[in-house]
N, C-alpha and C. Protein backbone atom coordinates (compact mmCIF):
# COMPACT_ATOMS: atom_id res chain seq x y z
N UNK A 1 29.62 -2.50 14.55
CA UNK A 1 29.01 -1.48 15.35
C UNK A 1 29.47 -1.86 16.88
N UNK A 2 29.71 -0.77 17.67
CA UNK A 2 30.04 -1.03 19.14
C UNK A 2 28.88 -0.51 19.89
N UNK A 3 28.60 -1.32 20.88
CA UNK A 3 27.55 -0.95 21.84
C UNK A 3 28.13 -0.71 23.30
N UNK A 4 28.05 0.47 23.84
CA UNK A 4 28.57 0.56 25.20
C UNK A 4 27.63 -0.10 26.24
N UNK A 5 28.22 -0.58 27.24
CA UNK A 5 27.57 -1.21 28.29
C UNK A 5 26.84 -0.18 29.25
N UNK A 6 26.02 0.57 28.79
CA UNK A 6 25.24 1.55 29.56
C UNK A 6 23.74 1.04 29.59
N UNK A 7 23.02 1.67 30.57
CA UNK A 7 21.69 1.37 30.60
C UNK A 7 20.91 1.83 29.42
N UNK A 8 21.25 2.98 28.96
CA UNK A 8 20.55 3.55 27.66
C UNK A 8 20.74 2.69 26.40
N UNK A 9 22.07 2.31 26.28
CA UNK A 9 22.40 1.41 25.17
C UNK A 9 21.67 0.07 25.24
N UNK A 10 21.65 -0.53 26.57
CA UNK A 10 21.07 -1.79 26.71
C UNK A 10 19.48 -1.67 26.39
N UNK A 11 19.01 -0.62 26.93
CA UNK A 11 17.43 -0.45 26.59
C UNK A 11 17.23 -0.24 25.16
N UNK A 12 18.05 0.58 24.52
CA UNK A 12 17.88 0.64 23.08
C UNK A 12 18.00 -0.68 22.33
N UNK A 13 18.92 -1.59 22.78
CA UNK A 13 19.12 -2.90 22.11
C UNK A 13 17.79 -3.76 22.32
N UNK A 14 17.21 -3.57 23.54
CA UNK A 14 16.05 -4.30 23.90
C UNK A 14 14.89 -3.78 22.97
N UNK A 15 14.67 -2.42 22.85
CA UNK A 15 13.78 -1.92 22.07
C UNK A 15 13.99 -2.48 20.52
N UNK A 16 15.15 -2.43 20.10
CA UNK A 16 15.50 -2.98 18.67
C UNK A 16 15.06 -4.36 18.53
N UNK A 17 15.31 -5.23 19.53
CA UNK A 17 15.08 -6.76 19.40
C UNK A 17 13.52 -6.84 19.48
N UNK A 18 12.78 -6.09 20.20
CA UNK A 18 11.44 -6.28 20.38
C UNK A 18 10.66 -5.76 19.12
N UNK A 19 11.29 -4.79 18.36
CA UNK A 19 10.68 -4.22 17.16
C UNK A 19 10.78 -5.26 15.94
N UNK A 20 11.99 -6.03 16.03
CA UNK A 20 12.28 -7.02 15.01
C UNK A 20 11.55 -8.28 15.08
N UNK A 21 11.37 -8.71 16.12
CA UNK A 21 10.73 -10.11 16.19
C UNK A 21 9.85 -10.26 17.49
N UNK A 22 9.03 -11.27 17.53
CA UNK A 22 8.17 -11.58 18.57
C UNK A 22 9.03 -12.29 19.68
N UNK A 23 9.10 -11.64 20.90
CA UNK A 23 9.77 -12.28 22.00
C UNK A 23 8.65 -12.59 23.04
N UNK A 24 8.76 -13.95 23.32
CA UNK A 24 7.77 -14.42 24.37
C UNK A 24 8.16 -14.47 25.80
N UNK A 25 9.52 -14.36 26.12
CA UNK A 25 9.82 -14.55 27.49
C UNK A 25 11.03 -13.81 27.78
N UNK A 26 11.33 -13.55 29.04
CA UNK A 26 12.58 -12.95 29.39
C UNK A 26 13.77 -13.72 29.20
N UNK A 27 13.81 -14.95 29.46
CA UNK A 27 14.92 -15.80 29.10
C UNK A 27 15.32 -15.79 27.55
N UNK A 28 14.26 -15.73 26.73
CA UNK A 28 14.45 -15.58 25.30
C UNK A 28 14.92 -14.23 24.91
N UNK A 29 14.56 -13.24 25.53
CA UNK A 29 15.16 -11.89 25.29
C UNK A 29 16.67 -11.81 25.90
N UNK A 30 16.97 -12.39 26.99
CA UNK A 30 18.19 -12.44 27.48
C UNK A 30 19.16 -13.11 26.56
N UNK A 31 18.76 -14.35 25.99
CA UNK A 31 19.54 -15.02 25.05
C UNK A 31 19.83 -14.21 23.79
N UNK A 32 18.85 -13.37 23.27
CA UNK A 32 19.00 -12.57 22.12
C UNK A 32 20.01 -11.41 22.43
N UNK A 33 19.90 -10.90 23.61
CA UNK A 33 20.78 -9.86 24.06
C UNK A 33 22.20 -10.54 24.19
N UNK A 34 22.39 -11.54 24.68
CA UNK A 34 23.73 -12.28 24.74
C UNK A 34 24.33 -12.47 23.38
N UNK A 35 23.50 -12.81 22.44
CA UNK A 35 23.98 -13.06 21.10
C UNK A 35 24.44 -11.73 20.50
N UNK A 36 23.89 -10.52 21.04
CA UNK A 36 24.27 -9.27 20.43
C UNK A 36 25.43 -8.65 21.36
N UNK A 37 25.97 -9.54 22.28
CA UNK A 37 27.04 -9.06 23.08
C UNK A 37 26.69 -8.26 24.33
N UNK A 38 25.40 -8.34 24.80
CA UNK A 38 24.99 -7.59 25.95
C UNK A 38 24.54 -8.79 27.00
N UNK A 39 25.32 -8.77 28.04
CA UNK A 39 25.00 -9.74 29.17
C UNK A 39 24.18 -8.84 30.19
N UNK A 40 23.17 -9.51 30.67
CA UNK A 40 22.27 -8.87 31.52
C UNK A 40 21.58 -10.01 32.52
N UNK A 41 21.47 -9.58 33.79
CA UNK A 41 20.81 -10.35 34.72
C UNK A 41 19.33 -10.48 34.55
N UNK A 42 18.67 -11.27 35.14
CA UNK A 42 17.10 -11.43 35.03
C UNK A 42 16.53 -10.18 35.76
N UNK A 43 17.01 -9.89 36.83
CA UNK A 43 16.50 -8.65 37.58
C UNK A 43 16.65 -7.40 36.82
N UNK A 44 17.84 -7.10 36.15
CA UNK A 44 18.07 -5.93 35.35
C UNK A 44 17.17 -5.91 34.16
N UNK A 45 17.01 -7.11 33.50
CA UNK A 45 16.10 -7.27 32.33
C UNK A 45 14.72 -6.86 32.79
N UNK A 46 14.20 -7.40 33.90
CA UNK A 46 12.93 -7.11 34.29
C UNK A 46 12.68 -5.62 34.60
N UNK A 47 13.66 -4.90 35.26
CA UNK A 47 13.67 -3.50 35.51
C UNK A 47 13.58 -2.73 34.18
N UNK A 48 14.39 -3.27 33.22
CA UNK A 48 14.42 -2.60 31.87
C UNK A 48 13.15 -2.65 31.23
N UNK A 49 12.47 -3.74 31.17
CA UNK A 49 11.26 -3.84 30.45
C UNK A 49 10.17 -3.01 31.27
N UNK A 50 10.20 -3.02 32.56
CA UNK A 50 9.21 -2.23 33.30
C UNK A 50 9.58 -0.66 32.80
N UNK A 51 10.76 -0.20 32.97
CA UNK A 51 11.06 1.13 32.63
C UNK A 51 10.67 1.54 31.15
N UNK A 52 10.79 0.60 30.26
CA UNK A 52 10.44 0.88 28.81
C UNK A 52 8.88 0.73 28.64
N UNK A 53 8.13 0.27 29.68
CA UNK A 53 6.81 0.22 29.49
C UNK A 53 6.23 -0.99 28.66
N UNK A 54 7.11 -2.05 28.60
CA UNK A 54 6.79 -3.27 27.92
C UNK A 54 5.45 -3.91 28.61
N UNK A 55 4.57 -4.45 27.72
CA UNK A 55 3.56 -5.21 28.25
C UNK A 55 3.56 -6.54 27.34
N UNK A 56 2.90 -7.53 27.89
CA UNK A 56 2.70 -8.73 27.07
C UNK A 56 1.31 -8.64 26.40
N UNK A 57 1.28 -8.70 25.06
CA UNK A 57 0.02 -8.53 24.36
C UNK A 57 -0.19 -9.97 23.59
N UNK A 58 -1.31 -10.40 23.32
CA UNK A 58 -1.66 -11.56 22.49
C UNK A 58 -1.39 -11.31 21.15
N UNK A 59 -0.67 -12.30 20.49
CA UNK A 59 -0.44 -12.13 19.05
C UNK A 59 -1.52 -12.92 18.42
N UNK A 60 -1.38 -12.72 16.98
CA UNK A 60 -2.41 -13.29 16.14
C UNK A 60 -2.44 -14.96 16.34
N UNK A 61 -1.37 -15.57 16.71
CA UNK A 61 -1.36 -17.00 16.84
C UNK A 61 -1.80 -17.31 18.31
N UNK A 62 -2.18 -16.39 19.17
CA UNK A 62 -2.56 -16.54 20.51
C UNK A 62 -1.51 -16.55 21.51
N UNK A 63 -0.30 -16.53 21.21
CA UNK A 63 0.84 -16.44 22.17
C UNK A 63 0.90 -15.10 22.74
N UNK A 64 1.50 -14.92 23.93
CA UNK A 64 1.78 -13.72 24.45
C UNK A 64 3.14 -13.25 24.16
N UNK A 65 3.26 -12.05 23.64
CA UNK A 65 4.58 -11.51 23.18
C UNK A 65 4.82 -10.02 23.90
N UNK A 66 6.05 -9.67 24.06
CA UNK A 66 6.27 -8.33 24.57
C UNK A 66 6.05 -7.24 23.46
N UNK A 67 5.50 -6.14 23.96
CA UNK A 67 5.20 -5.08 23.11
C UNK A 67 5.48 -3.76 23.88
N UNK A 68 5.93 -2.65 23.07
CA UNK A 68 6.36 -1.42 23.71
C UNK A 68 5.39 -0.42 23.42
N UNK A 69 5.34 0.77 24.08
CA UNK A 69 4.46 1.89 23.65
C UNK A 69 4.73 2.21 22.25
N UNK A 70 3.73 2.54 21.59
CA UNK A 70 3.87 3.02 20.13
C UNK A 70 3.78 4.42 20.04
N UNK A 71 3.88 4.95 18.73
CA UNK A 71 3.59 6.27 18.56
C UNK A 71 2.31 6.78 18.93
N UNK A 72 2.08 7.99 19.28
CA UNK A 72 0.89 8.50 19.78
C UNK A 72 0.41 7.93 21.17
N UNK A 73 1.29 7.31 21.96
CA UNK A 73 1.02 6.87 23.16
C UNK A 73 0.29 5.61 23.34
N UNK A 74 -0.21 5.07 22.29
CA UNK A 74 -0.95 3.74 22.29
C UNK A 74 -0.09 2.61 22.35
N UNK A 75 -0.60 1.43 22.73
CA UNK A 75 0.25 0.25 22.84
C UNK A 75 0.15 -0.44 21.50
N UNK A 76 1.34 -0.58 20.86
CA UNK A 76 1.42 -1.23 19.57
C UNK A 76 2.47 -2.27 19.57
N UNK A 77 2.16 -3.54 19.26
CA UNK A 77 3.16 -4.49 19.23
C UNK A 77 4.05 -4.28 18.12
N UNK A 78 5.32 -3.87 18.36
CA UNK A 78 6.29 -3.36 17.41
C UNK A 78 6.76 -4.55 16.47
N UNK A 79 6.50 -5.71 16.92
CA UNK A 79 6.86 -6.88 15.96
C UNK A 79 5.90 -7.06 14.97
N UNK A 80 5.02 -5.99 14.76
CA UNK A 80 4.03 -5.85 13.53
C UNK A 80 2.92 -6.90 13.76
N UNK A 81 2.65 -7.31 14.99
CA UNK A 81 1.59 -8.41 15.21
C UNK A 81 0.28 -7.80 15.18
N UNK A 82 -0.57 -8.37 14.26
CA UNK A 82 -1.91 -7.86 14.20
C UNK A 82 -2.14 -6.70 13.24
N UNK A 83 -1.15 -5.97 12.92
CA UNK A 83 -1.20 -4.83 12.08
C UNK A 83 -1.10 -5.23 10.60
N UNK A 84 -0.28 -6.15 10.29
CA UNK A 84 -0.08 -6.72 9.00
C UNK A 84 0.76 -5.65 8.08
N UNK A 85 1.24 -4.61 8.76
CA UNK A 85 1.96 -3.52 8.03
C UNK A 85 3.54 -3.70 8.44
N UNK A 86 4.30 -4.05 7.40
CA UNK A 86 5.71 -4.08 7.52
C UNK A 86 6.37 -2.69 7.55
N UNK A 87 7.62 -2.65 8.16
CA UNK A 87 8.37 -1.37 8.19
C UNK A 87 8.46 -0.68 6.84
N UNK A 88 8.54 -1.46 5.70
CA UNK A 88 8.66 -0.79 4.51
C UNK A 88 7.29 -0.30 4.03
N UNK A 89 6.32 -0.96 4.32
CA UNK A 89 5.00 -0.51 3.89
C UNK A 89 4.59 0.70 4.67
N UNK A 90 4.85 0.79 6.01
CA UNK A 90 4.68 1.95 6.76
C UNK A 90 5.55 3.13 6.32
N UNK A 91 6.77 2.97 5.89
CA UNK A 91 7.65 4.03 5.30
C UNK A 91 6.89 4.56 3.99
N UNK A 92 6.39 3.55 3.17
CA UNK A 92 5.73 3.94 1.98
C UNK A 92 4.63 4.83 2.21
N UNK A 93 3.80 4.51 3.23
CA UNK A 93 2.49 5.15 3.44
C UNK A 93 2.82 6.59 3.99
N UNK A 94 3.85 6.65 4.95
CA UNK A 94 4.18 7.87 5.61
C UNK A 94 4.83 8.74 4.64
N UNK A 95 5.84 8.27 3.88
CA UNK A 95 6.49 9.06 2.88
C UNK A 95 5.61 9.71 1.83
N UNK A 96 4.64 8.85 1.37
CA UNK A 96 3.69 9.42 0.42
C UNK A 96 2.95 10.54 0.85
N UNK A 97 2.57 10.53 2.19
CA UNK A 97 1.79 11.62 2.74
C UNK A 97 2.74 12.79 3.18
N UNK A 98 3.97 12.58 3.60
CA UNK A 98 4.66 13.61 4.29
C UNK A 98 5.94 14.18 3.69
N UNK A 99 6.55 13.29 2.86
CA UNK A 99 7.75 13.72 2.07
C UNK A 99 7.52 14.74 1.01
N UNK A 100 8.13 15.91 1.23
CA UNK A 100 7.93 17.14 0.34
C UNK A 100 8.91 17.10 -0.68
N UNK A 101 10.27 16.97 -0.18
CA UNK A 101 11.51 16.92 -1.08
C UNK A 101 12.58 16.17 -0.41
N UNK A 102 13.47 15.77 -1.31
CA UNK A 102 14.73 15.15 -0.74
C UNK A 102 15.97 15.49 -1.67
N UNK A 103 17.01 16.22 -1.12
CA UNK A 103 18.09 16.72 -1.86
C UNK A 103 19.33 16.16 -1.21
N UNK A 104 20.29 15.83 -1.96
CA UNK A 104 21.52 15.29 -1.45
C UNK A 104 22.80 16.02 -1.60
N UNK A 105 23.77 15.79 -0.84
CA UNK A 105 25.06 16.32 -0.87
C UNK A 105 26.05 15.40 -0.28
N UNK A 106 26.96 14.83 -0.94
CA UNK A 106 27.77 13.64 -0.55
C UNK A 106 26.95 12.57 0.18
N UNK A 107 27.19 12.40 1.48
CA UNK A 107 26.41 11.31 2.03
C UNK A 107 25.28 11.88 2.87
N UNK A 108 25.01 13.18 2.71
CA UNK A 108 23.85 13.85 3.52
C UNK A 108 22.60 14.00 2.55
N UNK A 109 21.44 13.76 3.22
CA UNK A 109 20.18 14.07 2.52
C UNK A 109 19.36 14.85 3.33
N UNK A 110 18.85 16.05 2.80
CA UNK A 110 17.89 16.87 3.46
C UNK A 110 16.56 16.41 3.00
N UNK A 111 15.61 16.10 3.88
CA UNK A 111 14.34 15.66 3.51
C UNK A 111 13.37 16.72 4.16
N UNK A 112 12.51 17.36 3.36
CA UNK A 112 11.47 18.35 3.88
C UNK A 112 10.24 17.73 4.03
N UNK A 113 9.52 18.09 5.06
CA UNK A 113 8.06 17.65 5.46
C UNK A 113 7.29 18.88 5.70
N UNK A 114 6.01 18.73 5.96
CA UNK A 114 5.22 19.74 6.46
C UNK A 114 5.67 20.14 7.94
N UNK A 115 5.34 21.23 8.49
CA UNK A 115 5.66 21.61 9.78
C UNK A 115 5.25 20.60 10.83
N UNK A 116 6.01 20.16 11.64
CA UNK A 116 5.75 19.26 12.70
C UNK A 116 5.70 17.82 12.31
N UNK A 117 6.09 17.46 11.07
CA UNK A 117 5.99 15.95 10.67
C UNK A 117 7.42 15.38 10.49
N UNK A 118 8.51 16.05 10.72
CA UNK A 118 9.87 15.55 10.48
C UNK A 118 10.18 14.30 11.35
N UNK A 119 9.81 14.45 12.70
CA UNK A 119 10.10 13.30 13.56
C UNK A 119 9.34 12.06 13.16
N UNK A 120 8.15 12.17 12.79
CA UNK A 120 7.30 11.11 12.38
C UNK A 120 7.89 10.38 11.08
N UNK A 121 8.31 11.14 10.11
CA UNK A 121 8.83 10.47 8.93
C UNK A 121 10.24 9.88 9.31
N UNK A 122 11.03 10.59 10.17
CA UNK A 122 12.39 10.09 10.58
C UNK A 122 12.25 8.70 11.34
N UNK A 123 11.24 8.69 12.13
CA UNK A 123 10.98 7.34 12.76
C UNK A 123 10.67 6.23 11.79
N UNK A 124 9.88 6.56 10.80
CA UNK A 124 9.56 5.59 9.79
C UNK A 124 10.79 5.19 9.05
N UNK A 125 11.62 6.06 8.62
CA UNK A 125 12.89 5.78 7.83
C UNK A 125 13.79 4.90 8.83
N UNK A 126 13.86 5.31 10.03
CA UNK A 126 14.73 4.51 11.05
C UNK A 126 14.24 3.12 11.08
N UNK A 127 12.95 2.89 11.34
CA UNK A 127 12.32 1.54 11.49
C UNK A 127 12.40 0.71 10.23
N UNK A 128 12.49 1.37 9.08
CA UNK A 128 12.70 0.58 7.78
C UNK A 128 13.90 -0.08 7.71
N UNK A 129 15.00 0.20 8.50
CA UNK A 129 16.26 -0.33 8.59
C UNK A 129 16.90 -0.63 7.32
N UNK A 130 17.15 0.44 6.46
CA UNK A 130 17.80 0.33 5.26
C UNK A 130 19.33 0.35 5.58
N UNK A 131 19.97 -0.67 5.02
CA UNK A 131 21.45 -0.94 5.25
C UNK A 131 22.15 0.33 4.76
N UNK A 132 21.68 1.05 3.70
CA UNK A 132 22.46 2.21 3.23
C UNK A 132 22.29 3.47 3.96
N UNK A 133 21.42 3.40 5.06
CA UNK A 133 21.27 4.58 5.94
C UNK A 133 21.84 4.33 7.26
N UNK A 134 22.76 5.35 7.87
CA UNK A 134 23.35 5.19 9.06
C UNK A 134 22.40 5.66 10.11
N UNK A 135 21.67 6.81 9.84
CA UNK A 135 20.71 7.21 10.73
C UNK A 135 20.11 8.50 10.36
N UNK A 136 19.23 9.07 11.20
CA UNK A 136 18.44 10.24 10.87
C UNK A 136 18.40 11.28 12.06
N UNK A 137 18.32 12.47 11.81
CA UNK A 137 18.15 13.48 12.80
C UNK A 137 17.05 14.30 12.37
N UNK A 138 15.94 14.55 13.19
CA UNK A 138 14.83 15.37 12.79
C UNK A 138 14.62 16.50 13.50
N UNK A 139 14.17 17.60 12.80
CA UNK A 139 13.69 18.81 13.53
C UNK A 139 12.27 18.90 13.39
N UNK A 140 11.69 20.12 12.99
CA UNK A 140 10.35 20.34 12.87
C UNK A 140 9.80 19.93 11.57
N UNK A 141 10.57 20.53 10.54
CA UNK A 141 10.02 20.18 9.14
C UNK A 141 11.11 19.69 8.26
N UNK A 142 12.30 19.26 8.93
CA UNK A 142 13.49 18.79 8.10
C UNK A 142 14.03 17.61 8.76
N UNK A 143 14.51 16.57 7.97
CA UNK A 143 15.10 15.31 8.39
C UNK A 143 16.44 15.29 7.77
N UNK A 144 17.43 15.20 8.55
CA UNK A 144 18.99 14.95 7.97
C UNK A 144 19.04 13.43 7.96
N UNK A 145 19.24 12.91 6.78
CA UNK A 145 19.44 11.46 6.71
C UNK A 145 20.84 11.29 6.20
N UNK A 146 21.65 10.37 6.98
CA UNK A 146 22.98 10.19 6.69
C UNK A 146 23.20 8.80 6.19
N UNK A 147 23.76 8.82 4.92
CA UNK A 147 24.13 7.58 4.23
C UNK A 147 25.40 6.93 4.71
N UNK A 148 25.42 5.66 4.60
CA UNK A 148 26.76 4.97 4.93
C UNK A 148 27.91 5.22 4.00
N UNK A 149 27.43 5.22 2.67
CA UNK A 149 28.54 5.46 1.76
C UNK A 149 28.86 6.85 1.62
N UNK A 150 30.05 7.30 1.62
CA UNK A 150 30.55 8.69 1.67
C UNK A 150 29.88 9.54 0.49
N UNK A 151 29.57 8.79 -0.61
CA UNK A 151 28.91 9.47 -1.75
C UNK A 151 27.49 8.93 -2.00
N UNK A 152 26.89 8.39 -1.10
CA UNK A 152 25.64 7.60 -1.22
C UNK A 152 24.47 8.52 -1.10
N UNK A 153 24.51 9.81 -0.74
CA UNK A 153 23.39 10.58 -0.40
C UNK A 153 22.38 10.71 -1.70
N UNK A 154 22.95 10.81 -2.74
CA UNK A 154 22.14 10.80 -4.04
C UNK A 154 21.21 9.60 -4.17
N UNK A 155 21.81 8.36 -3.99
CA UNK A 155 21.16 7.21 -4.16
C UNK A 155 19.99 7.01 -2.99
N UNK A 156 20.34 7.42 -1.78
CA UNK A 156 19.31 7.38 -0.76
C UNK A 156 18.15 8.48 -1.01
N UNK A 157 18.49 9.65 -1.54
CA UNK A 157 17.45 10.57 -1.88
C UNK A 157 16.57 9.99 -2.82
N UNK A 158 17.15 9.47 -4.03
CA UNK A 158 16.29 8.89 -5.10
C UNK A 158 15.46 7.77 -4.53
N UNK A 159 15.99 6.90 -3.71
CA UNK A 159 15.20 5.73 -3.16
C UNK A 159 14.03 6.33 -2.24
N UNK A 160 14.26 7.32 -1.49
CA UNK A 160 13.18 7.97 -0.80
C UNK A 160 12.18 8.48 -1.53
N UNK A 161 12.54 9.19 -2.53
CA UNK A 161 11.56 9.81 -3.53
C UNK A 161 10.68 8.71 -4.23
N UNK A 162 11.50 7.60 -4.63
CA UNK A 162 10.78 6.63 -5.20
C UNK A 162 9.65 5.79 -4.27
N UNK A 163 10.09 5.68 -2.97
CA UNK A 163 9.25 5.12 -2.08
C UNK A 163 8.00 5.91 -1.86
N UNK A 164 8.13 7.34 -1.87
CA UNK A 164 7.06 8.29 -1.85
C UNK A 164 6.36 8.38 -3.21
N UNK A 165 6.93 7.74 -4.16
CA UNK A 165 6.23 7.86 -5.71
C UNK A 165 6.33 9.24 -6.13
N UNK A 166 7.49 9.88 -5.85
CA UNK A 166 7.65 11.18 -6.45
C UNK A 166 8.91 11.08 -7.39
N UNK A 167 8.91 12.08 -8.16
CA UNK A 167 10.23 12.13 -9.06
C UNK A 167 11.11 13.15 -8.55
N UNK A 168 12.34 12.94 -8.80
CA UNK A 168 13.54 13.77 -8.35
C UNK A 168 13.52 15.08 -9.05
């Protein structure tokens, strides 16, 4: 994967890192970014965290960790601290409620939801970080899921239906 050295790409990488693990300090975050091929100064990192709305919240173990704004505008520690809900469990819960159908063609999957719910489901799919999924695009009631394998759409559709406990 290639990451351009733009502000948007750097902030997306920061968001990804904060979602995946508890980060306690800016030097720790700078090291994680460097390991991902993104070099950043302390001043730039501080501005990025401010622009992303990052706050330090107390984790279950008592330590302070960075958290980003969550869905619905609330502050949610994206490292899943305090919620106990993993990305897979979140996807299961949301898919169970919102996934209406999933149909594949080659590496594309069209997922239908109730009106207004597609972006919420797409976010849960993205955060579940399935290796077989390249990404999602959401509209109002439809999510386009793109499988990595050129013929992998059918498998992804079946997996999504299984997560939602529905039959194909």
